[in-house]
Each structure stands twice: as structure tokens, then as C-alpha cells.
PDB file of N, CA and C in Angstrom:
ATOM      1  N   MET A   1    -111.919  75.880  15.468  1.00  0.00           N
ATOM      2  CA  MET A   1    -111.415  74.750  16.230  1.00  0.00           C
ATOM      3  C   MET A   1    -111.121  73.589  15.273  1.00  0.00           C
ATOM      4  N   THR A   2    -109.990  72.968  15.468  1.00  0.00           N
ATOM      5  CA  THR A   2    -109.578  71.842  14.638  1.00  0.00           C
ATOM      6  C   THR A   2    -110.295  70.576  15.074  1.00  0.00           C
ATOM      7  N   THR A   3    -110.812  69.842  14.119  1.00  0.00           N
ATOM      8  CA  THR A   3    -111.406  68.543  14.409  1.00  0.00           C
ATOM      9  C   THR A   3    -110.294  67.515  14.473  1.00  0.00           C
ATOM     10  N   LEU A   4    -110.184  66.844  15.608  1.00  0.00           N
ATOM     11  CA  LEU A   4    -109.155  65.835  15.786  1.00  0.00           C
ATOM     12  C   LEU A   4    -109.615  64.520  15.179  1.00  0.00           C
ATOM     13  N   LEU A   5    -108.668  63.733  14.688  1.00  0.00           N
ATOM     14  CA  LEU A   5    -108.966  62.472  14.019  1.00  0.00           C
ATOM     15  C   LEU A   5    -108.698  61.294  14.945  1.00  0.00           C
ATOM     16  N   ASN A   6    -109.608  60.335  14.972  1.00  0.00           N
ATOM     17  CA  ASN A   6    -109.346  59.109  15.724  1.00  0.00           C
ATOM     18  C   ASN A   6    -108.368  58.250  14.927  1.00  0.00           C
ATOM     19  N   ASN A   7    -107.982  57.118  15.481  1.00  0.00           N
ATOM     20  CA  ASN A   7    -106.988  56.258  14.851  1.00  0.00           C
ATOM     21  C   ASN A   7    -107.418  55.837  13.441  1.00  0.00           C
ATOM     22  N   GLU A   8    -108.679  55.490  13.269  1.00  0.00           N
ATOM     23  CA  GLU A   8    -109.168  55.024  11.964  1.00  0.00           C
ATOM     24  C   GLU A   8    -109.118  56.135  10.927  1.00  0.00           C
ATOM     25  N   ALA A   9    -109.554  57.335  11.302  1.00  0.00           N
ATOM     26  CA  ALA A   9    -109.552  58.456  10.358  1.00  0.00           C
ATOM     27  C   ALA A   9    -108.126  58.891  10.024  1.00  0.00           C
ATOM     28  N   ALA A  10    -107.247  58.887  11.012  1.00  0.00           N
ATOM     29  CA  ALA A  10    -105.850  59.255  10.767  1.00  0.00           C
ATOM     30  C   ALA A  10    -105.188  58.243   9.845  1.00  0.00           C
ATOM     31  N   ALA A  11    -105.458  56.966  10.081  1.00  0.00           N
ATOM     32  CA  ALA A  11    -104.897  55.922   9.213  1.00  0.00           C
ATOM     33  C   ALA A  11    -105.387  56.103   7.780  1.00  0.00           C
ATOM     34  N   ALA A  12    -106.658  56.409   7.615  1.00  0.00           N
ATOM     35  CA  ALA A  12    -107.211  56.628   6.277  1.00  0.00           C
ATOM     36  C   ALA A  12    -106.524  57.817   5.600  1.00  0.00           C
ATOM     37  N   ALA A  13    -106.252  58.874   6.361  1.00  0.00           N
ATOM     38  CA  ALA A  13    -105.576  60.052   5.807  1.00  0.00           C
ATOM     39  C   ALA A  13    -104.158  59.716   5.354  1.00  0.00           C
ATOM     40  N   LEU A  14    -103.569  58.703   5.981  1.00  0.00           N
ATOM     41  CA  LEU A  14    -102.211  58.281   5.619  1.00  0.00           C
ATOM     42  C   LEU A  14    -102.195  57.160   4.583  1.00  0.00           C
ATOM     43  N   GLY A  15    -103.358  56.572   4.321  1.00  0.00           N
ATOM     44  CA  GLY A  15    -103.437  55.470   3.360  1.00  0.00           C
ATOM     45  C   GLY A  15    -102.893  54.167   3.912  1.00  0.00           C
ATOM     46  N   ILE A  16    -103.002  53.981   5.222  1.00  0.00           N
ATOM     47  CA  ILE A  16    -102.526  52.760   5.868  1.00  0.00           C
ATOM     48  C   ILE A  16    -103.652  52.181   6.725  1.00  0.00           C
ATOM     49  N   SER A  17    -103.436  50.996   7.248  1.00  0.00           N
ATOM     50  CA  SER A  17    -104.460  50.393   8.090  1.00  0.00           C
ATOM     51  C   SER A  17    -104.369  50.953   9.511  1.00  0.00           C
ATOM     52  N   PRO A  18    -105.480  50.958  10.248  1.00  0.00           N
ATOM     53  CA  PRO A  18    -105.454  51.397  11.645  1.00  0.00           C
ATOM     54  C   PRO A  18    -104.481  50.581  12.498  1.00  0.00           C
ATOM     55  N   VAL A  19    -104.335  49.310  12.195  1.00  0.00           N
ATOM     56  CA  VAL A  19    -103.401  48.459  12.950  1.00  0.00           C
ATOM     57  C   VAL A  19    -101.966  48.919  12.718  1.00  0.00           C
ATOM     58  N   THR A  20    -101.628  49.248  11.473  1.00  0.00           N
ATOM     59  CA  THR A  20    -100.289  49.740  11.170  1.00  0.00           C
ATOM     60  C   THR A  20    -100.010  51.024  11.934  1.00  0.00           C
ATOM     61  N   LEU A  21    -100.967  51.930  11.984  1.00  0.00           N
ATOM     62  CA  LEU A  21    -100.776  53.188  12.704  1.00  0.00           C
ATOM     63  C   LEU A  21    -100.569  52.924  14.196  1.00  0.00           C
ATOM     64  N   LYS A  22    -101.312  52.003  14.753  1.00  0.00           N
ATOM     65  CA  LYS A  22    -101.146  51.657  16.164  1.00  0.00           C
ATOM     66  C   LYS A  22     -99.748  51.087  16.415  1.00  0.00           C
ATOM     67  N   ILE A  23     -99.275  50.236  15.523  1.00  0.00           N
ATOM     68  CA  ILE A  23     -97.931  49.658  15.652  1.00  0.00           C
ATOM     69  C   ILE A  23     -96.884  50.765  15.574  1.00  0.00           C
ATOM     70  N   TRP A  24     -97.032  51.667  14.606  1.00  0.00           N
ATOM     71  CA  TRP A  24     -96.092  52.782  14.485  1.00  0.00           C
ATOM     72  C   TRP A  24     -96.063  53.596  15.767  1.00  0.00           C
ATOM     73  N   ARG A  25     -97.231  53.852  16.329  1.00  0.00           N
ATOM     74  CA  ARG A  25     -97.325  54.648  17.557  1.00  0.00           C
ATOM     75  C   ARG A  25     -96.565  53.963  18.694  1.00  0.00           C
ATOM     76  N   CYS A  26     -96.734  52.662  18.819  1.00  0.00           N
ATOM     77  CA  CYS A  26     -96.051  51.911  19.877  1.00  0.00           C
ATOM     78  C   CYS A  26     -94.543  51.900  19.679  1.00  0.00           C
ATOM     79  N   LYS A  27     -94.098  51.981  18.426  1.00  0.00           N
ATOM     80  CA  LYS A  27     -92.663  51.966  18.109  1.00  0.00           C
ATOM     81  C   LYS A  27     -92.066  53.368  18.037  1.00  0.00           C
ATOM     82  N   GLY A  28     -92.878  54.395  18.244  1.00  0.00           N
ATOM     83  CA  GLY A  28     -92.376  55.759  18.173  1.00  0.00           C
ATOM     84  C   GLY A  28     -92.204  56.275  16.762  1.00  0.00           C
ATOM     85  N   LYS A  29     -92.885  55.656  15.804  1.00  0.00           N
ATOM     86  CA  LYS A  29     -92.861  56.101  14.408  1.00  0.00           C
ATOM     87  C   LYS A  29     -94.184  56.795  14.118  1.00  0.00           C
ATOM     88  N   GLY A  30     -94.282  57.374  12.944  1.00  0.00           N
ATOM     89  CA  GLY A  30     -95.542  57.984  12.535  1.00  0.00           C
ATOM     90  C   GLY A  30     -95.715  59.381  13.081  1.00  0.00           C
ATOM     91  N   PRO A  31     -96.848  59.986  12.753  1.00  0.00           N
ATOM     92  CA  PRO A  31     -97.087  61.366  13.179  1.00  0.00           C
ATOM     93  C   PRO A  31     -97.300  61.467  14.692  1.00  0.00           C
ATOM     94  N   ARG A  32     -97.056  62.659  15.208  1.00  0.00           N
ATOM     95  CA  ARG A  32     -97.289  62.932  16.621  1.00  0.00           C
ATOM     96  C   ARG A  32     -98.775  62.783  16.917  1.00  0.00           C
ATOM     97  N   PHE A  33     -99.096  62.338  18.125  1.00  0.00           N
ATOM     98  CA  PHE A  33    -100.488  62.116  18.513  1.00  0.00           C
ATOM     99  C   PHE A  33    -100.772  62.761  19.848  1.00  0.00           C
ATOM    100  N   ILE A  34    -102.043  62.814  20.193  1.00  0.00           N
ATOM    101  CA  ILE A  34    -102.505  63.381  21.456  1.00  0.00           C
ATOM    102  C   ILE A  34    -103.139  62.265  22.262  1.00  0.00           C
ATOM    103  N   LYS A  35    -102.689  62.103  23.490  1.00  0.00           N
ATOM    104  CA  LYS A  35    -103.239  61.083  24.393  1.00  0.00           C
ATOM    105  C   LYS A  35    -104.213  61.783  25.328  1.00  0.00           C
ATOM    106  N   LEU A  36    -105.478  61.366  25.294  1.00  0.00           N
ATOM    107  CA  LEU A  36    -106.524  61.988  26.105  1.00  0.00           C
ATOM    108  C   LEU A  36    -106.670  61.226  27.424  1.00  0.00           C
ATOM    109  N   GLY A  37    -105.764  61.464  28.346  1.00  0.00           N
ATOM    110  CA  GLY A  37    -105.773  60.803  29.644  1.00  0.00           C
ATOM    111  C   GLY A  37    -104.457  60.095  29.887  1.00  0.00           C
ATOM    112  N   SER A  38    -104.346  59.470  31.051  1.00  0.00           N
ATOM    113  CA  SER A  38    -103.083  58.824  31.422  1.00  0.00           C
ATOM    114  C   SER A  38    -103.166  57.301  31.437  1.00  0.00           C
ATOM    115  N   SER A  39    -104.357  56.759  31.318  1.00  0.00           N
ATOM    116  CA  SER A  39    -104.523  55.307  31.311  1.00  0.00           C
ATOM    117  C   SER A  39    -104.156  54.733  29.944  1.00  0.00           C
ATOM    118  N   PRO A  40    -103.593  53.520  29.914  1.00  0.00           N
ATOM    119  CA  PRO A  40    -103.287  52.895  28.618  1.00  0.00           C
ATOM    120  C   PRO A  40    -104.529  52.739  27.727  1.00  0.00           C
ATOM    121  N   ARG A  41    -105.697  52.703  28.312  1.00  0.00           N
ATOM    122  CA  ARG A  41    -106.928  52.529  27.532  1.00  0.00           C
ATOM    123  C   ARG A  41    -107.577  53.845  27.091  1.00  0.00           C
ATOM    124  N   ASP A  42    -107.005  54.964  27.498  1.00  0.00           N
ATOM    125  CA  ASP A  42    -107.569  56.251  27.099  1.00  0.00           C
ATOM    126  C   ASP A  42    -107.363  56.493  25.608  1.00  0.00           C
ATOM    127  N   ARG A  43    -108.231  57.312  25.047  1.00  0.00           N
ATOM    128  CA  ARG A  43    -108.222  57.579  23.605  1.00  0.00           C
ATOM    129  C   ARG A  43    -106.962  58.265  23.135  1.00  0.00           C
ATOM    130  N   VAL A  44    -106.647  57.995  21.887  1.00  0.00           N
ATOM    131  CA  VAL A  44    -105.562  58.666  21.168  1.00  0.00           C
ATOM    132  C   VAL A  44    -106.203  59.335  19.953  1.00  0.00           C
ATOM    133  N   VAL A  45    -105.835  60.590  19.710  1.00  0.00           N
ATOM    134  CA  VAL A  45    -106.336  61.316  18.545  1.00  0.00           C
ATOM    135  C   VAL A  45    -105.157  62.013  17.855  1.00  0.00           C
ATOM    136  N   TYR A  46    -105.409  62.423  16.636  1.00  0.00           N
ATOM    137  CA  TYR A  46    -104.380  63.078  15.825  1.00  0.00           C
ATOM    138  C   TYR A  46    -104.890  64.422  15.336  1.00  0.00           C
ATOM    139  N   ASP A  47    -104.005  65.409  15.371  1.00  0.00           N
ATOM    140  CA  ASP A  47    -104.281  66.712  14.783  1.00  0.00           C
ATOM    141  C   ASP A  47    -103.968  66.587  13.282  1.00  0.00           C
ATOM    142  N   PRO A  48    -104.903  66.935  12.414  1.00  0.00           N
ATOM    143  CA  PRO A  48    -104.624  66.838  10.971  1.00  0.00           C
ATOM    144  C   PRO A  48    -103.365  67.593  10.549  1.00  0.00           C
ATOM    145  N   ALA A  49    -103.029  68.688  11.221  1.00  0.00           N
ATOM    146  CA  ALA A  49    -101.817  69.440  10.889  1.00  0.00           C
ATOM    147  C   ALA A  49    -100.569  68.607  11.168  1.00  0.00           C
ATOM    148  N   GLU A  50    -100.590  67.788  12.210  1.00  0.00           N
ATOM    149  CA  GLU A  50     -99.452  66.911  12.510  1.00  0.00           C
ATOM    150  C   GLU A  50     -99.294  65.839  11.433  1.00  0.00           C
ATOM    151  N   ILE A  51    -100.400  65.326  10.943  1.00  0.00           N
ATOM    152  CA  ILE A  51    -100.349  64.333   9.872  1.00  0.00           C
ATOM    153  C   ILE A  51     -99.762  64.958   8.609  1.00  0.00           C
ATOM    154  N   GLU A  52    -100.222  66.158   8.262  1.00  0.00           N
ATOM    155  CA  GLU A  52     -99.713  66.832   7.067  1.00  0.00           C
ATOM    156  C   GLU A  52     -98.230  67.175   7.217  1.00  0.00           C
ATOM    157  N   ALA A  53     -97.809  67.613   8.401  1.00  0.00           N
ATOM    158  CA  ALA A  53     -96.395  67.926   8.635  1.00  0.00           C
ATOM    159  C   ALA A  53     -95.539  66.668   8.521  1.00  0.00           C
ATOM    160  N   TRP A  54     -96.040  65.566   9.051  1.00  0.00           N
ATOM    161  CA  TRP A  54     -95.306  64.294   8.983  1.00  0.00           C
ATOM    162  C   TRP A  54     -95.151  63.854   7.527  1.00  0.00           C
ATOM    163  N   LYS A  55     -96.229  63.974   6.748  1.00  0.00           N
ATOM    164  CA  LYS A  55     -96.152  63.612   5.327  1.00  0.00           C
ATOM    165  C   LYS A  55     -95.205  64.547   4.574  1.00  0.00           C
ATOM    166  N   ALA A  56     -95.248  65.834   4.876  1.00  0.00           N
ATOM    167  CA  ALA A  56     -94.387  66.803   4.190  1.00  0.00           C
ATOM    168  C   ALA A  56     -92.913  66.523   4.467  1.00  0.00           C
ATOM    169  N   ALA A  57     -92.603  66.051   5.681  1.00  0.00           N
ATOM    170  CA  ALA A  57     -91.214  65.736   6.026  1.00  0.00           C
ATOM    171  C   ALA A  57     -90.718  64.505   5.280  1.00  0.00           C
ATOM    172  N   ARG A  58     -91.621  63.776   4.666  1.00  0.00           N
ATOM    173  CA  ARG A  58     -91.269  62.559   3.935  1.00  0.00           C
ATOM    174  C   ARG A  58     -91.524  62.694   2.438  1.00  0.00           C
ATOM    175  N   THR A  59     -91.482  63.908   1.939  1.00  0.00           N
ATOM    176  CA  THR A  59     -91.658  64.178   0.517  1.00  0.00           C
ATOM    177  C   THR A  59     -90.272  64.353  -0.106  1.00  0.00           C
ATOM    178  N   PHE A  60     -89.999  63.593  -1.155  1.00  0.00           N
ATOM    179  CA  PHE A  60     -88.669  63.564  -1.757  1.00  0.00           C
ATOM    180  C   PHE A  60     -88.747  63.833  -3.250  1.00  0.00           C
ATOM    181  N   ALA A  61     -87.634  64.304  -3.794  1.00  0.00           N
ATOM    182  CA  ALA A  61     -87.537  64.557  -5.232  1.00  0.00           C
ATOM    183  C   ALA A  61     -86.992  63.345  -5.984  1.00  0.00           C
ATOM    184  N   SER A  62     -86.267  62.468  -5.279  1.00  0.00           N
ATOM    185  CA  SER A  62     -85.714  61.289  -5.930  1.00  0.00           C
ATOM    186  C   SER A  62     -85.587  60.154  -4.918  1.00  0.00           C
ATOM    187  N   THR A  63     -85.409  58.952  -5.418  1.00  0.00           N
ATOM    188  CA  THR A  63     -85.275  57.808  -4.515  1.00  0.00           C
ATOM    189  C   THR A  63     -83.983  57.888  -3.701  1.00  0.00           C
ATOM    190  N   SER A  64     -82.925  58.494  -4.248  1.00  0.00           N
ATOM    191  CA  SER A  64     -81.691  58.613  -3.475  1.00  0.00           C
ATOM    192  C   SER A  64     -81.871  59.574  -2.298  1.00  0.00           C
ATOM    193  N   ASP A  65     -82.719  60.588  -2.455  1.00  0.00           N
ATOM    194  CA  ASP A  65     -83.012  61.498  -1.345  1.00  0.00           C
ATOM    195  C   ASP A  65     -83.738  60.777  -0.217  1.00  0.00           C
ATOM    196  N   ALA A  66     -84.527  59.785  -0.570  1.00  0.00           N
ATOM    197  CA  ALA A  66     -85.349  59.080   0.408  1.00  0.00           C
ATOM    198  C   ALA A  66     -84.550  58.139   1.289  1.00  0.00           C
ATOM    199  N   THR A  67     -83.268  57.954   1.014  1.00  0.00           N
ATOM    200  CA  THR A  67     -82.466  57.032   1.819  1.00  0.00           C
ATOM    201  C   THR A  67     -81.814  57.712   3.011  1.00  0.00           C
ATOM    202  N   VAL A  68     -81.891  59.032   3.093  1.00  0.00           N
ATOM    203  CA  VAL A  68     -81.305  59.729   4.241  1.00  0.00           C
ATOM    204  C   VAL A  68     -82.189  59.535   5.465  1.00  0.00           C
ATOM    205  N   SER A  69     -81.591  59.643   6.634  1.00  0.00           N
ATOM    206  CA  SER A  69     -82.342  59.438   7.874  1.00  0.00           C
ATOM    207  C   SER A  69     -83.144  60.704   8.202  1.00  0.00           C
ATOM    208  N   HIS A  70     -84.389  60.513   8.543  1.00  0.00           N
ATOM    209  CA  HIS A  70     -85.281  61.611   8.904  1.00  0.00           C
ATOM    210  C   HIS A  70     -85.841  61.351  10.280  1.00  0.00           C
ATOM    211  N   PRO A  71     -86.215  62.398  11.024  1.00  0.00           N
ATOM    212  CA  PRO A  71     -86.811  62.216  12.343  1.00  0.00           C
ATOM    213  C   PRO A  71     -88.034  61.308  12.251  1.00  0.00           C
ATOM    214  N   GLY A  72     -88.149  60.390  13.158  1.00  0.00           N
ATOM    215  CA  GLY A  72     -89.278  59.468  13.160  1.00  0.00           C
ATOM    216  C   GLY A  72     -89.006  58.164  12.441  1.00  0.00           C
ATOM    217  N   ASN A  73     -87.920  58.109  11.702  1.00  0.00           N
ATOM    218  CA  ASN A  73     -87.539  56.847  11.044  1.00  0.00           C
ATOM    219  C   ASN A  73     -86.560  56.126  11.947  1.00  0.00           C
ATOM    220  N   ALA A  74     -86.952  54.974  12.417  1.00  0.00           N
ATOM    221  CA  ALA A  74     -86.045  54.223  13.288  1.00  0.00           C
ATOM    222  C   ALA A  74     -85.907  52.811  12.782  1.00  0.00           C
TER     223      ALA A  74
END
């Protein structure tokens, strides 16, 4: 069974602050997440595989490659 990451642990895995991850989530950026319930106050968790897939989609060989549009970049 995969251990799901809370917002703080997911942010640490990405090297960003928890606030930045929350902002990305609200803007539809960042890795896919799991919402545990339907209330706005219900927990949000991340599957580590989703974080790794999101990072892999943003791996580039050169700075010119990094200027192309990728899913999740808005």
C-alpha cells in the first residue's frame, strides 16, 4: 500500500513551501492530488507517484526545451 503525503510532506518532496503548493492547487498547477471528502475543509493528500510523474514531465535537457508549453503550466 502506498503511503499518501499530506500537503507539508508533498511540498517538501517538491522543494517548495506548503503555501506555494496550496496556491498551485487552487490555480490548477502542480501535481495531481486526492481530495478526501467533498467539503472545502476536507483533507488533501498526494500520491508520491503523482509527484514523481509531475517532476519527470518537467525534466529538460536545455533551457530552450523548458520554454515549450507542458500540461499543468498555465
